[in-house]
Amino acid sequence: MSHCEEKSCCEETSCHDEKAERCHGGGDLMEHVMHMWKSAGCKAWQEVVTDILKEKIRKEYGAQLEKGAEAFVASMGAGWQAKVAQAKAQVEFRKAVEKGILG
């Protein structure tokens, strides 16, 4: 059994994501190709299931999640404004110190 086949399709990364030589290094080319198809198939299934779940979650909880997202963005905005105000205060302090020292 090759290195790539030791893991289930949902646990592994594609051979091309790692070192391809390690996956088929001199091994059977067809084995490598078959594994790539199986791995891609598993990934495709996971993506479809994820898309379906996203759709269901958005439909069921979308309004609450939107409110949460709005609160998060507002909080981030307030934090950003505080950082900008702090940076401006530091600039003003530096100017005052420079003026005091350099005239």
PDB file of N, CA and C in Angstrom:
ATOM      1  N   MET A   1       0.857  -1.186   0.000  1.00  0.00           N
ATOM      2  CA  MET A   1       0.000   0.000   0.000  1.00  0.00           C
ATOM      3  C   MET A   1       0.896   1.239   0.000  1.00  0.00           C
ATOM      4  N   SER A   2       0.601   2.191  -0.867  1.00  0.00           N
ATOM      5  CA  SER A   2       1.417   3.392  -0.975  1.00  0.00           C
ATOM      6  C   SER A   2       1.134   4.339   0.186  1.00  0.00           C
ATOM      7  N   HIS A   3       2.010   5.310   0.357  1.00  0.00           N
ATOM      8  CA  HIS A   3       1.848   6.324   1.404  1.00  0.00           C
ATOM      9  C   HIS A   3       0.492   7.018   1.281  1.00  0.00           C
ATOM     10  N   CYS A   4       0.090   7.335   0.067  1.00  0.00           N
ATOM     11  CA  CYS A   4      -1.151   8.075  -0.148  1.00  0.00           C
ATOM     12  C   CYS A   4      -2.380   7.249   0.181  1.00  0.00           C
ATOM     13  N   GLU A   5      -2.309   5.941   0.017  1.00  0.00           N
ATOM     14  CA  GLU A   5      -3.477   5.103   0.254  1.00  0.00           C
ATOM     15  C   GLU A   5      -3.664   4.760   1.724  1.00  0.00           C
ATOM     16  N   GLU A   6      -2.679   5.059   2.572  1.00  0.00           N
ATOM     17  CA  GLU A   6      -2.763   4.704   3.974  1.00  0.00           C
ATOM     18  C   GLU A   6      -3.828   5.496   4.708  1.00  0.00           C
ATOM     19  N   LYS A   7      -4.143   6.685   4.259  1.00  0.00           N
ATOM     20  CA  LYS A   7      -5.133   7.539   4.897  1.00  0.00           C
ATOM     21  C   LYS A   7      -6.452   7.421   4.163  1.00  0.00           C
ATOM     22  N   SER A   8      -7.538   7.707   4.865  1.00  0.00           N
ATOM     23  CA  SER A   8      -8.819   7.715   4.163  1.00  0.00           C
ATOM     24  C   SER A   8      -8.864   8.941   3.271  1.00  0.00           C
ATOM     25  N   CYS A   9      -9.739   8.931   2.284  1.00  0.00           N
ATOM     26  CA  CYS A   9      -9.769  10.035   1.328  1.00  0.00           C
ATOM     27  C   CYS A   9     -10.100  11.357   1.997  1.00  0.00           C
ATOM     28  N   CYS A  10     -10.790  11.327   3.107  1.00  0.00           N
ATOM     29  CA  CYS A  10     -11.180  12.574   3.760  1.00  0.00           C
ATOM     30  C   CYS A  10     -10.107  13.103   4.698  1.00  0.00           C
ATOM     31  N   GLU A  11      -9.108  12.313   5.012  1.00  0.00           N
ATOM     32  CA  GLU A  11      -8.056  12.746   5.921  1.00  0.00           C
ATOM     33  C   GLU A  11      -6.817  13.229   5.188  1.00  0.00           C
ATOM     34  N   GLU A  12      -6.655  12.825   3.966  1.00  0.00           N
ATOM     35  CA  GLU A  12      -5.412  13.096   3.265  1.00  0.00           C
ATOM     36  C   GLU A  12      -5.453  14.388   2.476  1.00  0.00           C
ATOM     37  N   THR A  13      -4.290  14.813   2.099  1.00  0.00           N
ATOM     38  CA  THR A  13      -4.182  15.893   1.130  1.00  0.00           C
ATOM     39  C   THR A  13      -3.800  15.245  -0.177  1.00  0.00           C
ATOM     40  N   SER A  14      -4.020  15.904  -1.236  1.00  0.00           N
ATOM     41  CA  SER A  14      -3.668  15.376  -2.551  1.00  0.00           C
ATOM     42  C   SER A  14      -2.176  15.146  -2.634  1.00  0.00           C
ATOM     43  N   CYS A  15      -1.787  14.151  -3.396  1.00  0.00           N
ATOM     44  CA  CYS A  15      -0.358  13.899  -3.591  1.00  0.00           C
ATOM     45  C   CYS A  15       0.324  15.124  -4.163  1.00  0.00           C
ATOM     46  N   HIS A  16      -0.407  15.894  -4.922  1.00  0.00           N
ATOM     47  CA  HIS A  16       0.191  17.071  -5.542  1.00  0.00           C
ATOM     48  C   HIS A  16       0.361  18.201  -4.552  1.00  0.00           C
ATOM     49  N   ASP A  17      -0.353  18.132  -3.429  1.00  0.00           N
ATOM     50  CA  ASP A  17      -0.185  19.138  -2.392  1.00  0.00           C
ATOM     51  C   ASP A  17       1.073  18.870  -1.587  1.00  0.00           C
ATOM     52  N   GLU A  18       1.470  17.605  -1.516  1.00  0.00           N
ATOM     53  CA  GLU A  18       2.688  17.238  -0.805  1.00  0.00           C
ATOM     54  C   GLU A  18       3.783  17.023  -1.835  1.00  0.00           C
ATOM     55  N   LYS A  19       4.687  16.156  -1.543  1.00  0.00           N
ATOM     56  CA  LYS A  19       5.742  15.839  -2.506  1.00  0.00           C
ATOM     57  C   LYS A  19       5.265  14.686  -3.365  1.00  0.00           C
ATOM     58  N   ALA A  20       5.051  14.926  -4.628  1.00  0.00           N
ATOM     59  CA  ALA A  20       4.520  13.907  -5.525  1.00  0.00           C
ATOM     60  C   ALA A  20       5.439  12.692  -5.576  1.00  0.00           C
ATOM     61  N   GLU A  21       6.733  12.914  -5.459  1.00  0.00           N
ATOM     62  CA  GLU A  21       7.664  11.795  -5.535  1.00  0.00           C
ATOM     63  C   GLU A  21       7.395  10.799  -4.411  1.00  0.00           C
ATOM     64  N   ARG A  22       7.052  11.289  -3.247  1.00  0.00           N
ATOM     65  CA  ARG A  22       6.823  10.416  -2.106  1.00  0.00           C
ATOM     66  C   ARG A  22       5.595   9.551  -2.331  1.00  0.00           C
ATOM     67  N   CYS A  23       4.626  10.046  -3.087  1.00  0.00           N
ATOM     68  CA  CYS A  23       3.392   9.306  -3.297  1.00  0.00           C
ATOM     69  C   CYS A  23       3.545   8.190  -4.319  1.00  0.00           C
ATOM     70  N   HIS A  24       4.274   8.458  -5.388  1.00  0.00           N
ATOM     71  CA  HIS A  24       4.383   7.408  -6.399  1.00  0.00           C
ATOM     72  C   HIS A  24       5.819   7.103  -6.746  1.00  0.00           C
ATOM     73  N   GLY A  25       6.748   7.640  -5.994  1.00  0.00           N
ATOM     74  CA  GLY A  25       8.178   7.479  -6.255  1.00  0.00           C
ATOM     75  C   GLY A  25       8.559   6.137  -6.842  1.00  0.00           C
ATOM     76  N   GLY A  26       8.464   6.011  -8.122  1.00  0.00           N
ATOM     77  CA  GLY A  26       8.833   4.779  -8.793  1.00  0.00           C
ATOM     78  C   GLY A  26       7.742   3.726  -8.733  1.00  0.00           C
ATOM     79  N   GLY A  27       6.627   4.036  -8.078  1.00  0.00           N
ATOM     80  CA  GLY A  27       5.533   3.076  -7.958  1.00  0.00           C
ATOM     81  C   GLY A  27       4.721   2.991  -9.232  1.00  0.00           C
ATOM     82  N   ASP A  28       3.634   2.310  -9.135  1.00  0.00           N
ATOM     83  CA  ASP A  28       2.737   2.088 -10.262  1.00  0.00           C
ATOM     84  C   ASP A  28       2.027   3.393 -10.630  1.00  0.00           C
ATOM     85  N   LEU A  29       2.216   3.843 -11.852  1.00  0.00           N
ATOM     86  CA  LEU A  29       1.602   5.082 -12.321  1.00  0.00           C
ATOM     87  C   LEU A  29       0.078   4.992 -12.256  1.00  0.00           C
ATOM     88  N   MET A  30      -0.488   3.868 -12.652  1.00  0.00           N
ATOM     89  CA  MET A  30      -1.944   3.719 -12.640  1.00  0.00           C
ATOM     90  C   MET A  30      -2.488   3.776 -11.215  1.00  0.00           C
ATOM     91  N   GLU A  31      -1.735   3.221 -10.285  1.00  0.00           N
ATOM     92  CA  GLU A  31      -2.138   3.294  -8.878  1.00  0.00           C
ATOM     93  C   GLU A  31      -2.212   4.760  -8.444  1.00  0.00           C
ATOM     94  N   HIS A  32      -1.228   5.520  -8.856  1.00  0.00           N
ATOM     95  CA  HIS A  32      -1.186   6.946  -8.523  1.00  0.00           C
ATOM     96  C   HIS A  32      -2.372   7.688  -9.152  1.00  0.00           C
ATOM     97  N   VAL A  33      -2.642   7.427 -10.420  1.00  0.00           N
ATOM     98  CA  VAL A  33      -3.745   8.085 -11.111  1.00  0.00           C
ATOM     99  C   VAL A  33      -5.082   7.705 -10.473  1.00  0.00           C
ATOM    100  N   MET A  34      -5.265   6.417 -10.160  1.00  0.00           N
ATOM    101  CA  MET A  34      -6.509   5.971  -9.512  1.00  0.00           C
ATOM    102  C   MET A  34      -6.686   6.674  -8.173  1.00  0.00           C
ATOM    103  N   HIS A  35      -5.605   6.801  -7.444  1.00  0.00           N
ATOM    104  CA  HIS A  35      -5.672   7.473  -6.148  1.00  0.00           C
ATOM    105  C   HIS A  35      -6.065   8.938  -6.312  1.00  0.00           C
ATOM    106  N   MET A  36      -5.515   9.601  -7.322  1.00  0.00           N
ATOM    107  CA  MET A  36      -5.873  10.999  -7.547  1.00  0.00           C
ATOM    108  C   MET A  36      -7.364  11.139  -7.812  1.00  0.00           C
ATOM    109  N   TRP A  37      -7.929  10.237  -8.610  1.00  0.00           N
ATOM    110  CA  TRP A  37      -9.367  10.288  -8.900  1.00  0.00           C
ATOM    111  C   TRP A  37     -10.180  10.075  -7.627  1.00  0.00           C
ATOM    112  N   LYS A  38      -9.786   9.095  -6.825  1.00  0.00           N
ATOM    113  CA  LYS A  38     -10.512   8.822  -5.576  1.00  0.00           C
ATOM    114  C   LYS A  38     -10.431  10.019  -4.639  1.00  0.00           C
ATOM    115  N   SER A  39      -9.253  10.594  -4.524  1.00  0.00           N
ATOM    116  CA  SER A  39      -9.052  11.744  -3.648  1.00  0.00           C
ATOM    117  C   SER A  39      -9.880  12.938  -4.117  1.00  0.00           C
ATOM    118  N   ALA A  40      -9.865  13.205  -5.420  1.00  0.00           N
ATOM    119  CA  ALA A  40     -10.641  14.322  -5.967  1.00  0.00           C
ATOM    120  C   ALA A  40     -12.135  14.077  -5.776  1.00  0.00           C
ATOM    121  N   GLY A  41     -12.560  12.821  -5.938  1.00  0.00           N
ATOM    122  CA  GLY A  41     -13.971  12.491  -5.744  1.00  0.00           C
ATOM    123  C   GLY A  41     -14.417  12.746  -4.313  1.00  0.00           C
ATOM    124  N   CYS A  42     -13.584  12.344  -3.369  1.00  0.00           N
ATOM    125  CA  CYS A  42     -13.918  12.564  -1.958  1.00  0.00           C
ATOM    126  C   CYS A  42     -13.996  14.065  -1.661  1.00  0.00           C
ATOM    127  N   LYS A  43     -13.043  14.802  -2.184  1.00  0.00           N
ATOM    128  CA  LYS A  43     -13.041  16.256  -1.968  1.00  0.00           C
ATOM    129  C   LYS A  43     -14.294  16.882  -2.569  1.00  0.00           C
ATOM    130  N   ALA A  44     -14.682  16.438  -3.762  1.00  0.00           N
ATOM    131  CA  ALA A  44     -15.884  16.972  -4.414  1.00  0.00           C
ATOM    132  C   ALA A  44     -17.123  16.679  -3.578  1.00  0.00           C
ATOM    133  N   TRP A  45     -17.226  15.465  -3.048  1.00  0.00           N
ATOM    134  CA  TRP A  45     -18.368  15.120  -2.196  1.00  0.00           C
ATOM    135  C   TRP A  45     -18.407  16.027  -0.968  1.00  0.00           C
ATOM    136  N   GLN A  46     -17.251  16.246  -0.346  1.00  0.00           N
ATOM    137  CA  GLN A  46     -17.202  17.114   0.836  1.00  0.00           C
ATOM    138  C   GLN A  46     -17.651  18.523   0.494  1.00  0.00           C
ATOM    139  N   GLU A  47     -17.234  19.024  -0.663  1.00  0.00           N
ATOM    140  CA  GLU A  47     -17.620  20.377  -1.074  1.00  0.00           C
ATOM    141  C   GLU A  47     -19.124  20.475  -1.306  1.00  0.00           C
ATOM    142  N   VAL A  48     -19.709  19.452  -1.912  1.00  0.00           N
ATOM    143  CA  VAL A  48     -21.155  19.452  -2.158  1.00  0.00           C
ATOM    144  C   VAL A  48     -21.905  19.444  -0.829  1.00  0.00           C
ATOM    145  N   VAL A  49     -21.481  18.570   0.072  1.00  0.00           N
ATOM    146  CA  VAL A  49     -22.140  18.490   1.382  1.00  0.00           C
ATOM    147  C   VAL A  49     -21.992  19.816   2.120  1.00  0.00           C
ATOM    148  N   THR A  50     -20.811  20.422   2.053  1.00  0.00           N
ATOM    149  CA  THR A  50     -20.579  21.714   2.694  1.00  0.00           C
ATOM    150  C   THR A  50     -21.498  22.783   2.110  1.00  0.00           C
ATOM    151  N   ASP A  51     -21.627  22.799   0.785  1.00  0.00           N
ATOM    152  CA  ASP A  51     -22.513  23.778   0.139  1.00  0.00           C
ATOM    153  C   ASP A  51     -23.958  23.589   0.576  1.00  0.00           C
ATOM    154  N   ILE A  52     -24.399  22.343   0.662  1.00  0.00           N
ATOM    155  CA  ILE A  52     -25.772  22.062   1.094  1.00  0.00           C
ATOM    156  C   ILE A  52     -25.978  22.529   2.525  1.00  0.00           C
ATOM    157  N   LEU A  53     -25.019  22.217   3.392  1.00  0.00           N
ATOM    158  CA  LEU A  53     -25.142  22.644   4.788  1.00  0.00           C
ATOM    159  C   LEU A  53     -25.129  24.160   4.913  1.00  0.00           C
ATOM    160  N   LYS A  54     -24.280  24.823   4.146  1.00  0.00           N
ATOM    161  CA  LYS A  54     -24.254  26.285   4.168  1.00  0.00           C
ATOM    162  C   LYS A  54     -25.620  26.848   3.809  1.00  0.00           C
ATOM    163  N   GLU A  55     -26.219  26.271   2.779  1.00  0.00           N
ATOM    164  CA  GLU A  55     -27.539  26.709   2.321  1.00  0.00           C
ATOM    165  C   GLU A  55     -28.577  26.552   3.435  1.00  0.00           C
ATOM    166  N   LYS A  56     -28.579  25.384   4.068  1.00  0.00           N
ATOM    167  CA  LYS A  56     -29.549  25.102   5.140  1.00  0.00           C
ATOM    168  C   LYS A  56     -29.320  26.007   6.348  1.00  0.00           C
ATOM    169  N   ILE A  57     -28.067  26.166   6.723  1.00  0.00           N
ATOM    170  CA  ILE A  57     -27.747  27.019   7.877  1.00  0.00           C
ATOM    171  C   ILE A  57     -28.130  28.460   7.589  1.00  0.00           C
ATOM    172  N   ARG A  58     -27.818  28.939   6.389  1.00  0.00           N
ATOM    173  CA  ARG A  58     -28.154  30.309   6.021  1.00  0.00           C
ATOM    174  C   ARG A  58     -29.667  30.515   6.059  1.00  0.00           C
ATOM    175  N   LYS A  59     -30.425  29.523   5.559  1.00  0.00           N
ATOM    176  CA  LYS A  59     -31.887  29.628   5.538  1.00  0.00           C
ATOM    177  C   LYS A  59     -32.450  29.642   6.964  1.00  0.00           C
ATOM    178  N   GLU A  60     -31.937  28.772   7.818  1.00  0.00           N
ATOM    179  CA  GLU A  60     -32.468  28.631   9.179  1.00  0.00           C
ATOM    180  C   GLU A  60     -31.996  29.743  10.121  1.00  0.00           C
ATOM    181  N   TYR A  61     -30.729  30.111  10.020  1.00  0.00           N
ATOM    182  CA  TYR A  61     -30.141  31.034  10.996  1.00  0.00           C
ATOM    183  C   TYR A  61     -29.595  32.316  10.371  1.00  0.00           C
ATOM    184  N   GLY A  62     -29.878  32.520   9.089  1.00  0.00           N
ATOM    185  CA  GLY A  62     -29.313  33.658   8.379  1.00  0.00           C
ATOM    186  C   GLY A  62     -29.545  34.995   9.042  1.00  0.00           C
ATOM    187  N   ALA A  63     -30.778  35.241   9.483  1.00  0.00           N
ATOM    188  CA  ALA A  63     -31.094  36.545  10.084  1.00  0.00           C
ATOM    189  C   ALA A  63     -30.277  36.785  11.351  1.00  0.00           C
ATOM    190  N   GLN A  64     -30.174  35.749  12.206  1.00  0.00           N
ATOM    191  CA  GLN A  64     -29.387  35.900  13.426  1.00  0.00           C
ATOM    192  C   GLN A  64     -27.902  36.055  13.108  1.00  0.00           C
ATOM    193  N   LEU A  65     -27.438  35.292  12.132  1.00  0.00           N
ATOM    194  CA  LEU A  65     -26.030  35.398  11.760  1.00  0.00           C
ATOM    195  C   LEU A  65     -25.714  36.758  11.157  1.00  0.00           C
ATOM    196  N   GLU A  66     -26.643  37.313  10.383  1.00  0.00           N
ATOM    197  CA  GLU A  66     -26.452  38.660   9.826  1.00  0.00           C
ATOM    198  C   GLU A  66     -26.340  39.691  10.934  1.00  0.00           C
ATOM    199  N   LYS A  67     -27.203  39.578  11.950  1.00  0.00           N
ATOM    200  CA  LYS A  67     -27.127  40.511  13.081  1.00  0.00           C
ATOM    201  C   LYS A  67     -25.802  40.371  13.811  1.00  0.00           C
ATOM    202  N   GLY A  68     -25.357  39.134  13.974  1.00  0.00           N
ATOM    203  CA  GLY A  68     -24.066  38.898  14.618  1.00  0.00           C
ATOM    204  C   GLY A  68     -22.931  39.487  13.794  1.00  0.00           C
ATOM    205  N   ALA A  69     -23.019  39.325  12.480  1.00  0.00           N
ATOM    206  CA  ALA A  69     -21.985  39.873  11.593  1.00  0.00           C
ATOM    207  C   ALA A  69     -21.968  41.394  11.667  1.00  0.00           C
ATOM    208  N   GLU A  70     -23.147  42.006  11.708  1.00  0.00           N
ATOM    209  CA  GLU A  70     -23.224  43.456  11.819  1.00  0.00           C
ATOM    210  C   GLU A  70     -22.610  43.941  13.130  1.00  0.00           C
ATOM    211  N   ALA A  71     -22.892  43.222  14.212  1.00  0.00           N
ATOM    212  CA  ALA A  71     -22.319  43.586  15.505  1.00  0.00           C
ATOM    213  C   ALA A  71     -20.797  43.447  15.478  1.00  0.00           C
ATOM    214  N   PHE A  72     -20.324  42.387  14.858  1.00  0.00           N
ATOM    215  CA  PHE A  72     -18.883  42.171  14.749  1.00  0.00           C
ATOM    216  C   PHE A  72     -18.215  43.289  13.967  1.00  0.00           C
ATOM    217  N   VAL A  73     -18.794  43.641  12.823  1.00  0.00           N
ATOM    218  CA  VAL A  73     -18.220  44.686  11.974  1.00  0.00           C
ATOM    219  C   VAL A  73     -18.241  46.033  12.706  1.00  0.00           C
ATOM    220  N   ALA A  74     -19.333  46.319  13.409  1.00  0.00           N
ATOM    221  CA  ALA A  74     -19.405  47.569  14.168  1.00  0.00           C
ATOM    222  C   ALA A  74     -18.333  47.602  15.252  1.00  0.00           C
ATOM    223  N   SER A  75     -18.147  46.482  15.926  1.00  0.00           N
ATOM    224  CA  SER A  75     -17.131  46.399  16.963  1.00  0.00           C
ATOM    225  C   SER A  75     -15.733  46.581  16.379  1.00  0.00           C
ATOM    226  N   MET A  76     -15.489  45.952  15.243  1.00  0.00           N
ATOM    227  CA  MET A  76     -14.192  46.100  14.588  1.00  0.00           C
ATOM    228  C   MET A  76     -13.977  47.552  14.156  1.00  0.00           C
ATOM    229  N   GLY A  77     -15.035  48.194  13.678  1.00  0.00           N
ATOM    230  CA  GLY A  77     -14.941  49.598  13.283  1.00  0.00           C
ATOM    231  C   GLY A  77     -14.594  50.483  14.461  1.00  0.00           C
ATOM    232  N   ALA A  78     -15.235  50.233  15.591  1.00  0.00           N
ATOM    233  CA  ALA A  78     -14.951  51.018  16.793  1.00  0.00           C
ATOM    234  C   ALA A  78     -13.507  50.798  17.238  1.00  0.00           C
ATOM    235  N   GLY A  79     -13.061  49.552  17.181  1.00  0.00           N
ATOM    236  CA  GLY A  79     -11.672  49.247  17.543  1.00  0.00           C
ATOM    237  C   GLY A  79     -10.691  49.945  16.614  1.00  0.00           C
ATOM    238  N   TRP A  80     -11.020  49.953  15.322  1.00  0.00           N
ATOM    239  CA  TRP A  80     -10.156  50.618  14.343  1.00  0.00           C
ATOM    240  C   TRP A  80     -10.093  52.112  14.618  1.00  0.00           C
ATOM    241  N   GLN A  81     -11.237  52.718  14.880  1.00  0.00           N
ATOM    242  CA  GLN A  81     -11.263  54.150  15.169  1.00  0.00           C
ATOM    243  C   GLN A  81     -10.441  54.470  16.408  1.00  0.00           C
ATOM    244  N   ALA A  82     -10.481  53.607  17.411  1.00  0.00           N
ATOM    245  CA  ALA A  82      -9.676  53.811  18.623  1.00  0.00           C
ATOM    246  C   ALA A  82      -8.184  53.749  18.284  1.00  0.00           C
ATOM    247  N   LYS A  83      -7.807  52.810  17.419  1.00  0.00           N
ATOM    248  CA  LYS A  83      -6.400  52.711  17.023  1.00  0.00           C
ATOM    249  C   LYS A  83      -5.963  53.944  16.239  1.00  0.00           C
ATOM    250  N   VAL A  84      -6.830  54.444  15.367  1.00  0.00           N
ATOM    251  CA  VAL A  84      -6.520  55.645  14.593  1.00  0.00           C
ATOM    252  C   VAL A  84      -6.355  56.828  15.536  1.00  0.00           C
ATOM    253  N   ALA A  85      -7.256  56.955  16.502  1.00  0.00           N
ATOM    254  CA  ALA A  85      -7.165  58.053  17.469  1.00  0.00           C
ATOM    255  C   ALA A  85      -5.868  57.955  18.267  1.00  0.00           C
ATOM    256  N   GLN A  86      -5.493  56.758  18.662  1.00  0.00           N
ATOM    257  CA  GLN A  86      -4.252  56.561  19.411  1.00  0.00           C
ATOM    258  C   GLN A  86      -3.040  56.926  18.555  1.00  0.00           C
ATOM    259  N   ALA A  87      -3.053  56.524  17.292  1.00  0.00           N
ATOM    260  CA  ALA A  87      -1.945  56.848  16.387  1.00  0.00           C
ATOM    261  C   ALA A  87      -1.837  58.352  16.192  1.00  0.00           C
ATOM    262  N   LYS A  88      -2.990  59.040  16.051  1.00  0.00           N
ATOM    263  CA  LYS A  88      -2.977  60.497  15.895  1.00  0.00           C
ATOM    264  C   LYS A  88      -2.409  61.162  17.143  1.00  0.00           C
ATOM    265  N   ALA A  89      -2.789  60.653  18.321  1.00  0.00           N
ATOM    266  CA  ALA A  89      -2.279  61.209  19.574  1.00  0.00           C
ATOM    267  C   ALA A  89      -0.765  61.035  19.659  1.00  0.00           C
ATOM    268  N   GLN A  90      -0.266  59.895  19.216  1.00  0.00           N
ATOM    269  CA  GLN A  90       1.182  59.670  19.231  1.00  0.00           C
ATOM    270  C   GLN A  90       1.893  60.611  18.271  1.00  0.00           C
ATOM    271  N   VAL A  91       1.290  60.860  17.107  1.00  0.00           N
ATOM    272  CA  VAL A  91       1.879  61.794  16.138  1.00  0.00           C
ATOM    273  C   VAL A  91       1.930  63.193  16.743  1.00  0.00           C
ATOM    274  N   GLU A  92       0.844  63.603  17.378  1.00  0.00           N
ATOM    275  CA  GLU A  92       0.811  64.933  17.995  1.00  0.00           C
ATOM    276  C   GLU A  92       1.837  65.039  19.124  1.00  0.00           C
ATOM    277  N   PHE A  93       1.972  63.978  19.913  1.00  0.00           N
ATOM    278  CA  PHE A  93       2.961  63.960  20.990  1.00  0.00           C
ATOM    279  C   PHE A  93       4.371  64.091  20.415  1.00  0.00           C
ATOM    280  N   ARG A  94       4.631  63.336  19.356  1.00  0.00           N
ATOM    281  CA  ARG A  94       5.956  63.401  18.727  1.00  0.00           C
ATOM    282  C   ARG A  94       6.243  64.809  18.216  1.00  0.00           C
ATOM    283  N   LYS A  95       5.247  65.425  17.570  1.00  0.00           N
ATOM    284  CA  LYS A  95       5.425  66.792  17.062  1.00  0.00           C
ATOM    285  C   LYS A  95       5.732  67.750  18.202  1.00  0.00           C
ATOM    286  N   ALA A  96       5.002  67.589  19.317  1.00  0.00           N
ATOM    287  CA  ALA A  96       5.228  68.472  20.469  1.00  0.00           C
ATOM    288  C   ALA A  96       6.631  68.285  21.031  1.00  0.00           C
ATOM    289  N   VAL A  97       7.091  67.036  21.122  1.00  0.00           N
ATOM    290  CA  VAL A  97       8.440  66.766  21.636  1.00  0.00           C
ATOM    291  C   VAL A  97       9.483  67.332  20.682  1.00  0.00           C
ATOM    292  N   GLU A  98       9.304  67.106  19.374  1.00  0.00           N
ATOM    293  CA  GLU A  98      10.251  67.643  18.392  1.00  0.00           C
ATOM    294  C   GLU A  98      10.302  69.168  18.468  1.00  0.00           C
ATOM    295  N   LYS A  99       9.145  69.781  18.592  1.00  0.00           N
ATOM    296  CA  LYS A  99       9.095  71.254  18.649  1.00  0.00           C
ATOM    297  C   LYS A  99       9.808  71.742  19.917  1.00  0.00           C
ATOM    298  N   GLY A 100       9.580  71.017  21.028  1.00  0.00           N
ATOM    299  CA  GLY A 100      10.233  71.405  22.280  1.00  0.00           C
ATOM    300  C   GLY A 100      11.742  71.243  22.239  1.00  0.00           C
ATOM    301  N   ILE A 101      12.213  70.197  21.579  1.00  0.00           N
ATOM    302  CA  ILE A 101      13.654  69.935  21.539  1.00  0.00           C
ATOM    303  C   ILE A 101      14.327  70.714  20.399  1.00  0.00           C
ATOM    304  N   LEU A 102      13.714  70.708  19.243  1.00  0.00           N
ATOM    305  CA  LEU A 102      14.344  71.313  18.063  1.00  0.00           C
ATOM    306  C   LEU A 102      13.921  72.759  17.837  1.00  0.00           C
ATOM    307  N   GLY A 103      12.905  73.164  18.509  1.00  0.00           N
ATOM    308  CA  GLY A 103      12.460  74.551  18.369  1.00  0.00           C
ATOM    309  C   GLY A 103      11.534  74.831  17.280  1.00  0.00           C
TER     310      GLY A 103
END
